[in-house]
Amino acid sequence: MKWFKHYTNAQTSSSLDDIINEFGFEGYGRYWRLLEFLSLNFDGESTSFRFHNRTLRDCLRFKSKLKLRCYLVAIGLQTGFKVVETKDHFEIEAPILLSLKSRDFKKARPNRDQESPRIEADKDKDKEERREEKKELPTLKQKPLSLVDEYNQQCAIPNNLNSMSHHLTAGQLKNLHSLEGHPELLDEKAWSNYFSRIGKSEFLTKKKKPPVDFAWAIEPENVSKVLMGRYDNNQSTASDFDSVREAFLNG
């Protein structure tokens, strides 16, 4: 497919608005670059693509595979793309290309102006269905640290996007992205030790209300406090919530 129409009010889409909020206009531009790249390789029938991670990194100007992975998963959650990583390749399913082809390339187009709202409505419907599916999954609040165990079993930085992307929000992926290269979290063993440290803290797992969950554990600010020993059991500030809060307020 050599071209597709880009409506001037495209940014009013709820999905694209989410992309702008999460990644700024740089991420918004990368979305259109990705759509251009997929359209260039679209044969008019199959919407499934398989690219080496280096090809996509060059296309979207990402310096690391982790940054590319985080972005693709977030885009998938927000726009309906299906993204699966297999070793050094990414498999992408982009059904939107069929909608673009139907909208822009059919011969009789008297009702063309009415098609864009229908496509947008379908995207919003799909997004709502994905939200409902996520609600059905077990949450960390129901079983504290259950996702931590799964996270450790697979890898410190998730490689199995097909399963992990159901659990991680775009915000959580962004936090993992910001922790890349942290001197105390450079490999799987370091991450495992970090989560074990949280699990051994009676304050975090029993006394803190509500108990910590995975989202809390990967907040950069909380990571720093845990690594500094703020929540270790042998610290007097970890035995009482009020004293902990006072310690935080006073630096």
C-alpha atoms as a PDB file:
ATOM      1  CA  MET A   1       0.000   0.000   0.000  1.00  0.00           C
ATOM      2  CA  LYS A   2       1.665   3.195  -1.192  1.00  0.00           C
ATOM      3  CA  TRP A   3      -0.460   5.730   0.688  1.00  0.00           C
ATOM      4  CA  PHE A   4      -3.316   6.255   3.138  1.00  0.00           C
ATOM      5  CA  LYS A   5      -5.267   9.320   4.249  1.00  0.00           C
ATOM      6  CA  HIS A   6      -4.257  11.055   7.457  1.00  0.00           C
ATOM      7  CA  TYR A   7      -7.207  13.026   8.820  1.00  0.00           C
ATOM      8  CA  THR A   8      -6.366  16.438  10.288  1.00  0.00           C
ATOM      9  CA  ASN A   9      -8.381  15.660  13.433  1.00  0.00           C
ATOM     10  CA  ALA A  10      -6.678  12.294  14.016  1.00  0.00           C
ATOM     11  CA  GLN A  11      -5.194  13.525  17.295  1.00  0.00           C
ATOM     12  CA  THR A  12      -8.709  13.730  18.777  1.00  0.00           C
ATOM     13  CA  SER A  13      -8.804   9.927  18.848  1.00  0.00           C
ATOM     14  CA  SER A  14      -8.814   8.645  22.426  1.00  0.00           C
ATOM     15  CA  SER A  15      -6.139   6.078  21.542  1.00  0.00           C
ATOM     16  CA  LEU A  16      -3.779   8.640  20.018  1.00  0.00           C
ATOM     17  CA  ASP A  17      -4.461  11.020  22.896  1.00  0.00           C
ATOM     18  CA  ASP A  18      -3.275   8.274  25.277  1.00  0.00           C
ATOM     19  CA  ILE A  19      -0.087   7.926  23.230  1.00  0.00           C
ATOM     20  CA  ILE A  20       0.593  11.669  23.473  1.00  0.00           C
ATOM     21  CA  ASN A  21      -0.001  11.610  27.236  1.00  0.00           C
ATOM     22  CA  GLU A  22       2.353   8.652  27.744  1.00  0.00           C
ATOM     23  CA  PHE A  23       5.142   9.403  25.257  1.00  0.00           C
ATOM     24  CA  GLY A  24       4.667  13.026  24.200  1.00  0.00           C
ATOM     25  CA  PHE A  25       4.688  14.144  20.592  1.00  0.00           C
ATOM     26  CA  GLU A  26       7.854  12.122  19.968  1.00  0.00           C
ATOM     27  CA  GLY A  27       5.866   8.950  20.656  1.00  0.00           C
ATOM     28  CA  TYR A  28       2.980  10.304  18.562  1.00  0.00           C
ATOM     29  CA  GLY A  29       5.319  10.803  15.613  1.00  0.00           C
ATOM     30  CA  ARG A  30       6.736   7.311  16.053  1.00  0.00           C
ATOM     31  CA  TYR A  31       3.206   5.890  15.843  1.00  0.00           C
ATOM     32  CA  TRP A  32       2.717   7.408  12.380  1.00  0.00           C
ATOM     33  CA  ARG A  33       6.215   6.316  11.332  1.00  0.00           C
ATOM     34  CA  LEU A  34       5.363   2.747  12.364  1.00  0.00           C
ATOM     35  CA  LEU A  35       2.067   2.908  10.463  1.00  0.00           C
ATOM     36  CA  GLU A  36       3.901   4.184   7.373  1.00  0.00           C
ATOM     37  CA  PHE A  37       6.446   1.369   7.654  1.00  0.00           C
ATOM     38  CA  LEU A  38       3.758  -1.304   8.031  1.00  0.00           C
ATOM     39  CA  SER A  39       1.784   0.148   5.117  1.00  0.00           C
ATOM     40  CA  LEU A  40       4.908   0.066   2.953  1.00  0.00           C
ATOM     41  CA  ASN A  41       5.196  -3.676   3.611  1.00  0.00           C
ATOM     42  CA  PHE A  42       1.448  -4.374   3.371  1.00  0.00           C
ATOM     43  CA  ASP A  43       0.516  -6.643   0.448  1.00  0.00           C
ATOM     44  CA  GLY A  44      -3.177  -5.782   0.618  1.00  0.00           C
ATOM     45  CA  GLU A  45      -4.217  -9.009   2.316  1.00  0.00           C
ATOM     46  CA  SER A  46      -2.165 -10.185   5.281  1.00  0.00           C
ATOM     47  CA  THR A  47      -1.884  -7.799   8.239  1.00  0.00           C
ATOM     48  CA  SER A  48       0.743  -9.949   9.981  1.00  0.00           C
ATOM     49  CA  PHE A  49       4.356  -8.793   9.909  1.00  0.00           C
ATOM     50  CA  ARG A  50       7.650 -10.124  11.262  1.00  0.00           C
ATOM     51  CA  PHE A  51      10.684  -7.861  11.593  1.00  0.00           C
ATOM     52  CA  HIS A  52      14.106  -8.193  13.175  1.00  0.00           C
ATOM     53  CA  ASN A  53      14.372  -5.920  16.224  1.00  0.00           C
ATOM     54  CA  ARG A  54      17.266  -4.045  14.579  1.00  0.00           C
ATOM     55  CA  THR A  55      15.034  -3.171  11.614  1.00  0.00           C
ATOM     56  CA  LEU A  56      12.373  -1.693  13.886  1.00  0.00           C
ATOM     57  CA  ARG A  57      14.945   0.089  16.054  1.00  0.00           C
ATOM     58  CA  ASP A  58      16.377   1.765  12.965  1.00  0.00           C
ATOM     59  CA  CYS A  59      12.895   2.625  11.725  1.00  0.00           C
ATOM     60  CA  LEU A  60      11.725   4.177  15.015  1.00  0.00           C
ATOM     61  CA  ARG A  61      15.149   5.479  16.120  1.00  0.00           C
ATOM     62  CA  PHE A  62      15.412   3.543  19.388  1.00  0.00           C
ATOM     63  CA  LYS A  63      18.885   2.933  20.790  1.00  0.00           C
ATOM     64  CA  SER A  64      17.988  -0.167  22.800  1.00  0.00           C
ATOM     65  CA  LYS A  65      15.794  -3.208  22.390  1.00  0.00           C
ATOM     66  CA  LEU A  66      14.165  -2.547  25.782  1.00  0.00           C
ATOM     67  CA  LYS A  67      12.976   0.906  24.747  1.00  0.00           C
ATOM     68  CA  LEU A  68      11.582  -0.517  21.523  1.00  0.00           C
ATOM     69  CA  ARG A  69       9.851  -3.324  23.418  1.00  0.00           C
ATOM     70  CA  CYS A  70       8.232  -0.969  25.944  1.00  0.00           C
ATOM     71  CA  TYR A  71       6.962   1.307  23.199  1.00  0.00           C
ATOM     72  CA  LEU A  72       5.543  -1.483  21.028  1.00  0.00           C
ATOM     73  CA  VAL A  73       3.692  -3.081  23.948  1.00  0.00           C
ATOM     74  CA  ALA A  74       2.191   0.273  24.954  1.00  0.00           C
ATOM     75  CA  ILE A  75       1.147   0.973  21.365  1.00  0.00           C
ATOM     76  CA  GLY A  76      -0.408  -2.466  21.187  1.00  0.00           C
ATOM     77  CA  LEU A  77      -2.480  -1.907  24.323  1.00  0.00           C
ATOM     78  CA  GLN A  78      -3.696   1.506  23.188  1.00  0.00           C
ATOM     79  CA  THR A  79      -4.347   1.041  19.466  1.00  0.00           C
ATOM     80  CA  GLY A  80      -5.218  -2.617  18.979  1.00  0.00           C
ATOM     81  CA  PHE A  81      -1.935  -3.837  17.495  1.00  0.00           C
ATOM     82  CA  LYS A  82      -0.915  -7.313  18.666  1.00  0.00           C
ATOM     83  CA  VAL A  83       2.798  -7.496  19.455  1.00  0.00           C
ATOM     84  CA  VAL A  84       4.696 -10.709  20.229  1.00  0.00           C
ATOM     85  CA  GLU A  85       8.461 -10.992  20.673  1.00  0.00           C
ATOM     86  CA  THR A  86      10.252 -14.142  19.501  1.00  0.00           C
ATOM     87  CA  LYS A  87      13.991 -14.083  20.175  1.00  0.00           C
ATOM     88  CA  ASP A  88      15.384 -11.286  17.986  1.00  0.00           C
ATOM     89  CA  HIS A  89      12.171 -10.632  16.074  1.00  0.00           C
ATOM     90  CA  PHE A  90       8.862  -8.893  16.681  1.00  0.00           C
ATOM     91  CA  GLU A  91       5.619 -10.191  15.207  1.00  0.00           C
ATOM     92  CA  ILE A  92       3.018  -7.461  14.703  1.00  0.00           C
ATOM     93  CA  GLU A  93      -0.639  -7.872  13.792  1.00  0.00           C
ATOM     94  CA  ALA A  94      -2.134  -4.580  12.523  1.00  0.00           C
ATOM     95  CA  PRO A  95      -5.793  -5.053  11.454  1.00  0.00           C
ATOM     96  CA  ILE A  96      -6.175  -1.278  11.073  1.00  0.00           C
ATOM     97  CA  LEU A  97      -4.492  -1.583   7.653  1.00  0.00           C
ATOM     98  CA  LEU A  98      -7.543  -3.364   6.250  1.00  0.00           C
ATOM     99  CA  SER A  99      -9.738  -0.511   7.474  1.00  0.00           C
ATOM    100  CA  LEU A 100      -7.449   2.045   5.850  1.00  0.00           C
ATOM    101  CA  LYS A 101      -7.436   0.094   2.596  1.00  0.00           C
ATOM    102  CA  SER A 102     -11.231  -0.186   2.561  1.00  0.00           C
ATOM    103  CA  ARG A 103     -11.622   3.507   3.349  1.00  0.00           C
ATOM    104  CA  ASP A 104      -9.126   4.964   0.888  1.00  0.00           C
ATOM    105  CA  PHE A 105      -8.953   2.594  -2.072  1.00  0.00           C
ATOM    106  CA  LYS A 106     -12.470   1.524  -2.962  1.00  0.00           C
ATOM    107  CA  LYS A 107     -13.844   2.842  -6.266  1.00  0.00           C
ATOM    108  CA  ALA A 108     -17.230   4.091  -5.087  1.00  0.00           C
ATOM    109  CA  ARG A 109     -16.757   6.485  -2.194  1.00  0.00           C
ATOM    110  CA  PRO A 110     -19.886   8.662  -1.869  1.00  0.00           C
ATOM    111  CA  ASN A 111     -20.056   8.131   1.893  1.00  0.00           C
ATOM    112  CA  ARG A 112     -16.331   8.420   2.537  1.00  0.00           C
ATOM    113  CA  ASP A 113     -16.635  11.255   5.056  1.00  0.00           C
ATOM    114  CA  GLN A 114     -18.856   9.049   7.198  1.00  0.00           C
ATOM    115  CA  GLU A 115     -16.404   6.156   7.352  1.00  0.00           C
ATOM    116  CA  SER A 116     -13.814   7.649   9.680  1.00  0.00           C
ATOM    117  CA  PRO A 117     -16.236   7.934  12.650  1.00  0.00           C
ATOM    118  CA  ARG A 118     -17.236   4.281  12.168  1.00  0.00           C
ATOM    119  CA  ILE A 119     -13.626   3.150  12.170  1.00  0.00           C
ATOM    120  CA  GLU A 120     -12.961   5.217  15.287  1.00  0.00           C
ATOM    121  CA  ALA A 121     -16.042   3.726  16.968  1.00  0.00           C
ATOM    122  CA  ASP A 122     -14.774   0.217  16.214  1.00  0.00           C
ATOM    123  CA  LYS A 123     -11.381   1.063  17.721  1.00  0.00           C
ATOM    124  CA  ASP A 124     -13.016   2.445  20.876  1.00  0.00           C
ATOM    125  CA  LYS A 125     -15.179  -0.685  21.113  1.00  0.00           C
ATOM    126  CA  ASP A 126     -12.094  -2.910  20.829  1.00  0.00           C
ATOM    127  CA  LYS A 127     -10.330  -0.831  23.465  1.00  0.00           C
ATOM    128  CA  GLU A 128     -13.286  -1.200  25.854  1.00  0.00           C
ATOM    129  CA  GLU A 129     -13.320  -4.970  25.282  1.00  0.00           C
ATOM    130  CA  ARG A 130      -9.614  -5.150  26.150  1.00  0.00           C
ATOM    131  CA  ARG A 131     -10.306  -3.215  29.361  1.00  0.00           C
ATOM    132  CA  GLU A 132     -13.009  -5.710  30.304  1.00  0.00           C
ATOM    133  CA  GLU A 133     -10.622  -8.602  29.632  1.00  0.00           C
ATOM    134  CA  LYS A 134      -8.009  -7.027  31.897  1.00  0.00           C
ATOM    135  CA  LYS A 135     -10.614  -6.689  34.683  1.00  0.00           C
ATOM    136  CA  GLU A 136     -11.128 -10.444  34.601  1.00  0.00           C
ATOM    137  CA  LEU A 137      -7.448 -11.136  35.294  1.00  0.00           C
ATOM    138  CA  PRO A 138      -6.327 -11.653  38.921  1.00  0.00           C
ATOM    139  CA  THR A 139      -4.973  -8.420  40.370  1.00  0.00           C
ATOM    140  CA  LEU A 140      -2.076  -7.789  42.729  1.00  0.00           C
ATOM    141  CA  LYS A 141      -4.412  -6.361  45.352  1.00  0.00           C
ATOM    142  CA  GLN A 142      -6.180  -9.710  45.562  1.00  0.00           C
ATOM    143  CA  LYS A 143      -2.897 -11.573  45.972  1.00  0.00           C
ATOM    144  CA  PRO A 144       0.049  -9.293  46.912  1.00  0.00           C
ATOM    145  CA  LEU A 145       3.310 -10.007  45.107  1.00  0.00           C
ATOM    146  CA  SER A 146       1.805 -12.800  42.962  1.00  0.00           C
ATOM    147  CA  LEU A 147       2.951 -10.978  39.830  1.00  0.00           C
ATOM    148  CA  VAL A 148       6.409 -10.571  41.334  1.00  0.00           C
ATOM    149  CA  ASP A 149       6.748 -14.363  41.360  1.00  0.00           C
ATOM    150  CA  GLU A 150       5.676 -14.599  37.726  1.00  0.00           C
ATOM    151  CA  TYR A 151       7.977 -11.716  36.859  1.00  0.00           C
ATOM    152  CA  ASN A 152      10.963 -13.470  38.421  1.00  0.00           C
ATOM    153  CA  GLN A 153      10.150 -16.778  36.731  1.00  0.00           C
ATOM    154  CA  GLN A 154      10.173 -15.254  33.251  1.00  0.00           C
ATOM    155  CA  CYS A 155      12.850 -12.555  33.424  1.00  0.00           C
ATOM    156  CA  ALA A 156      13.669  -9.340  35.254  1.00  0.00           C
ATOM    157  CA  ILE A 157      12.914  -7.325  32.134  1.00  0.00           C
ATOM    158  CA  PRO A 158       9.993  -9.209  30.503  1.00  0.00           C
ATOM    159  CA  ASN A 159      10.743 -11.015  27.225  1.00  0.00           C
ATOM    160  CA  ASN A 160       7.418 -12.812  26.874  1.00  0.00           C
ATOM    161  CA  LEU A 161       5.271  -9.891  25.749  1.00  0.00           C
ATOM    162  CA  ASN A 162       2.310 -12.087  24.915  1.00  0.00           C
ATOM    163  CA  SER A 163       1.745 -12.938  28.589  1.00  0.00           C
ATOM    164  CA  MET A 164       3.330 -10.012  30.439  1.00  0.00           C
ATOM    165  CA  SER A 165       1.613  -7.284  28.420  1.00  0.00           C
ATOM    166  CA  HIS A 166      -1.724  -8.410  29.868  1.00  0.00           C
ATOM    167  CA  HIS A 167      -0.453  -7.462  33.328  1.00  0.00           C
ATOM    168  CA  LEU A 168       1.654  -4.368  32.701  1.00  0.00           C
ATOM    169  CA  THR A 169       0.133  -0.981  32.015  1.00  0.00           C
ATOM    170  CA  ALA A 170       1.784   1.626  29.843  1.00  0.00           C
ATOM    171  CA  GLY A 171       2.765   3.503  33.013  1.00  0.00           C
ATOM    172  CA  GLN A 172       4.417   0.419  34.500  1.00  0.00           C
ATOM    173  CA  LEU A 173       6.335  -0.206  31.283  1.00  0.00           C
ATOM    174  CA  LYS A 174       7.478   3.412  31.381  1.00  0.00           C
ATOM    175  CA  ASN A 175       8.763   2.909  34.950  1.00  0.00           C
ATOM    176  CA  LEU A 176      10.703  -0.204  33.900  1.00  0.00           C
ATOM    177  CA  HIS A 177      12.118   1.801  31.022  1.00  0.00           C
ATOM    178  CA  SER A 178      13.332   4.515  33.431  1.00  0.00           C
ATOM    179  CA  LEU A 179      15.048   1.890  35.612  1.00  0.00           C
ATOM    180  CA  GLU A 180      17.072   0.495  32.712  1.00  0.00           C
ATOM    181  CA  GLY A 181      20.759   0.651  33.556  1.00  0.00           C
ATOM    182  CA  HIS A 182      20.220   1.201  37.302  1.00  0.00           C
ATOM    183  CA  PRO A 183      23.572   0.234  38.880  1.00  0.00           C
ATOM    184  CA  GLU A 184      21.910  -2.029  41.465  1.00  0.00           C
ATOM    185  CA  LEU A 185      19.448  -3.656  39.041  1.00  0.00           C
ATOM    186  CA  LEU A 186      21.619  -4.711  36.117  1.00  0.00           C
ATOM    187  CA  ASP A 187      20.568  -8.356  35.757  1.00  0.00           C
ATOM    188  CA  GLU A 188      17.943 -10.927  36.659  1.00  0.00           C
ATOM    189  CA  LYS A 189      19.680 -11.910  39.889  1.00  0.00           C
ATOM    190  CA  ALA A 190      19.738  -8.298  41.077  1.00  0.00           C
ATOM    191  CA  TRP A 191      16.016  -7.920  40.367  1.00  0.00           C
ATOM    192  CA  SER A 192      15.288 -11.205  42.150  1.00  0.00           C
ATOM    193  CA  ASN A 193      17.235 -10.011  45.197  1.00  0.00           C
ATOM    194  CA  TYR A 194      15.351  -6.729  45.097  1.00  0.00           C
ATOM    195  CA  PHE A 195      11.943  -8.434  45.196  1.00  0.00           C
ATOM    196  CA  SER A 196      13.159 -10.849  47.877  1.00  0.00           C
ATOM    197  CA  ARG A 197      14.131  -7.846  49.954  1.00  0.00           C
ATOM    198  CA  ILE A 198      10.593  -6.517  49.681  1.00  0.00           C
ATOM    199  CA  GLY A 199       9.139  -9.933  50.523  1.00  0.00           C
ATOM    200  CA  LYS A 200      11.248 -10.161  53.696  1.00  0.00           C
ATOM    201  CA  SER A 201      10.098  -6.765  54.954  1.00  0.00           C
ATOM    202  CA  GLU A 202       7.351  -7.323  57.503  1.00  0.00           C
ATOM    203  CA  PHE A 203       6.425  -3.662  57.279  1.00  0.00           C
ATOM    204  CA  LEU A 204       5.857  -3.696  53.514  1.00  0.00           C
ATOM    205  CA  THR A 205       4.069  -7.052  53.331  1.00  0.00           C
ATOM    206  CA  LYS A 206       1.993  -6.935  56.513  1.00  0.00           C
ATOM    207  CA  LYS A 207       1.913  -3.568  58.253  1.00  0.00           C
ATOM    208  CA  LYS A 208       1.694  -1.204  55.279  1.00  0.00           C
ATOM    209  CA  LYS A 209      -1.904  -0.405  54.332  1.00  0.00           C
ATOM    210  CA  PRO A 210      -2.511  -1.348  51.624  1.00  0.00           C
ATOM    211  CA  PRO A 211       0.326  -3.877  51.252  1.00  0.00           C
ATOM    212  CA  VAL A 212       2.758  -3.225  48.428  1.00  0.00           C
ATOM    213  CA  ASP A 213       1.977  -4.528  44.958  1.00  0.00           C
ATOM    214  CA  PHE A 214       4.004  -4.836  41.760  1.00  0.00           C
ATOM    215  CA  ALA A 215       3.141  -1.325  40.553  1.00  0.00           C
ATOM    216  CA  TRP A 216       4.420   0.138  43.839  1.00  0.00           C
ATOM    217  CA  ALA A 217       7.584  -1.971  43.689  1.00  0.00           C
ATOM    218  CA  ILE A 218       8.703  -0.573  40.305  1.00  0.00           C
ATOM    219  CA  GLU A 219       8.049   3.091  41.065  1.00  0.00           C
ATOM    220  CA  PRO A 220      11.553   4.633  40.752  1.00  0.00           C
ATOM    221  CA  GLU A 221      11.146   6.593  44.003  1.00  0.00           C
ATOM    222  CA  ASN A 222      10.114   3.465  45.922  1.00  0.00           C
ATOM    223  CA  VAL A 223      12.952   1.462  44.351  1.00  0.00           C
ATOM    224  CA  SER A 224      15.456   3.979  45.688  1.00  0.00           C
ATOM    225  CA  LYS A 225      13.975   3.839  49.209  1.00  0.00           C
ATOM    226  CA  VAL A 226      14.002   0.040  49.299  1.00  0.00           C
ATOM    227  CA  LEU A 227      17.608  -0.120  48.074  1.00  0.00           C
ATOM    228  CA  MET A 228      18.615   2.470  50.693  1.00  0.00           C
ATOM    229  CA  GLY A 229      17.262   0.157  53.408  1.00  0.00           C
ATOM    230  CA  ARG A 230      14.370   2.377  54.452  1.00  0.00           C
ATOM    231  CA  TYR A 231      12.073  -0.631  54.823  1.00  0.00           C
ATOM    232  CA  ASP A 232      14.456  -3.284  56.189  1.00  0.00           C
ATOM    233  CA  ASN A 233      13.169  -5.012  59.325  1.00  0.00           C
ATOM    234  CA  ASN A 234      16.276  -4.068  61.277  1.00  0.00           C
ATOM    235  CA  GLN A 235      15.514  -0.372  60.773  1.00  0.00           C
ATOM    236  CA  SER A 236      13.579   1.207  63.605  1.00  0.00           C
ATOM    237  CA  THR A 237      11.648   3.337  61.109  1.00  0.00           C
ATOM    238  CA  ALA A 238      10.115   0.219  59.583  1.00  0.00           C
ATOM    239  CA  SER A 239       8.322  -0.927  62.723  1.00  0.00           C
ATOM    240  CA  ASP A 240       5.695   1.800  62.804  1.00  0.00           C
ATOM    241  CA  PHE A 241       3.913   3.574  59.953  1.00  0.00           C
ATOM    242  CA  ASP A 242       3.888   6.968  61.635  1.00  0.00           C
ATOM    243  CA  SER A 243       7.614   6.881  62.298  1.00  0.00           C
ATOM    244  CA  VAL A 244       8.265   5.845  58.704  1.00  0.00           C
ATOM    245  CA  ARG A 245       6.180   8.702  57.399  1.00  0.00           C
ATOM    246  CA  GLU A 246       7.981  11.115  59.704  1.00  0.00           C
ATOM    247  CA  ALA A 247      11.342   9.826  58.487  1.00  0.00           C
ATOM    248  CA  PHE A 248      10.325  10.370  54.863  1.00  0.00           C
ATOM    249  CA  LEU A 249       9.049  13.893  55.518  1.00  0.00           C
ATOM    250  CA  ASN A 250      12.271  14.848  57.261  1.00  0.00           C
ATOM    251  CA  GLY A 251      14.462  13.324  54.555  1.00  0.00           C
END
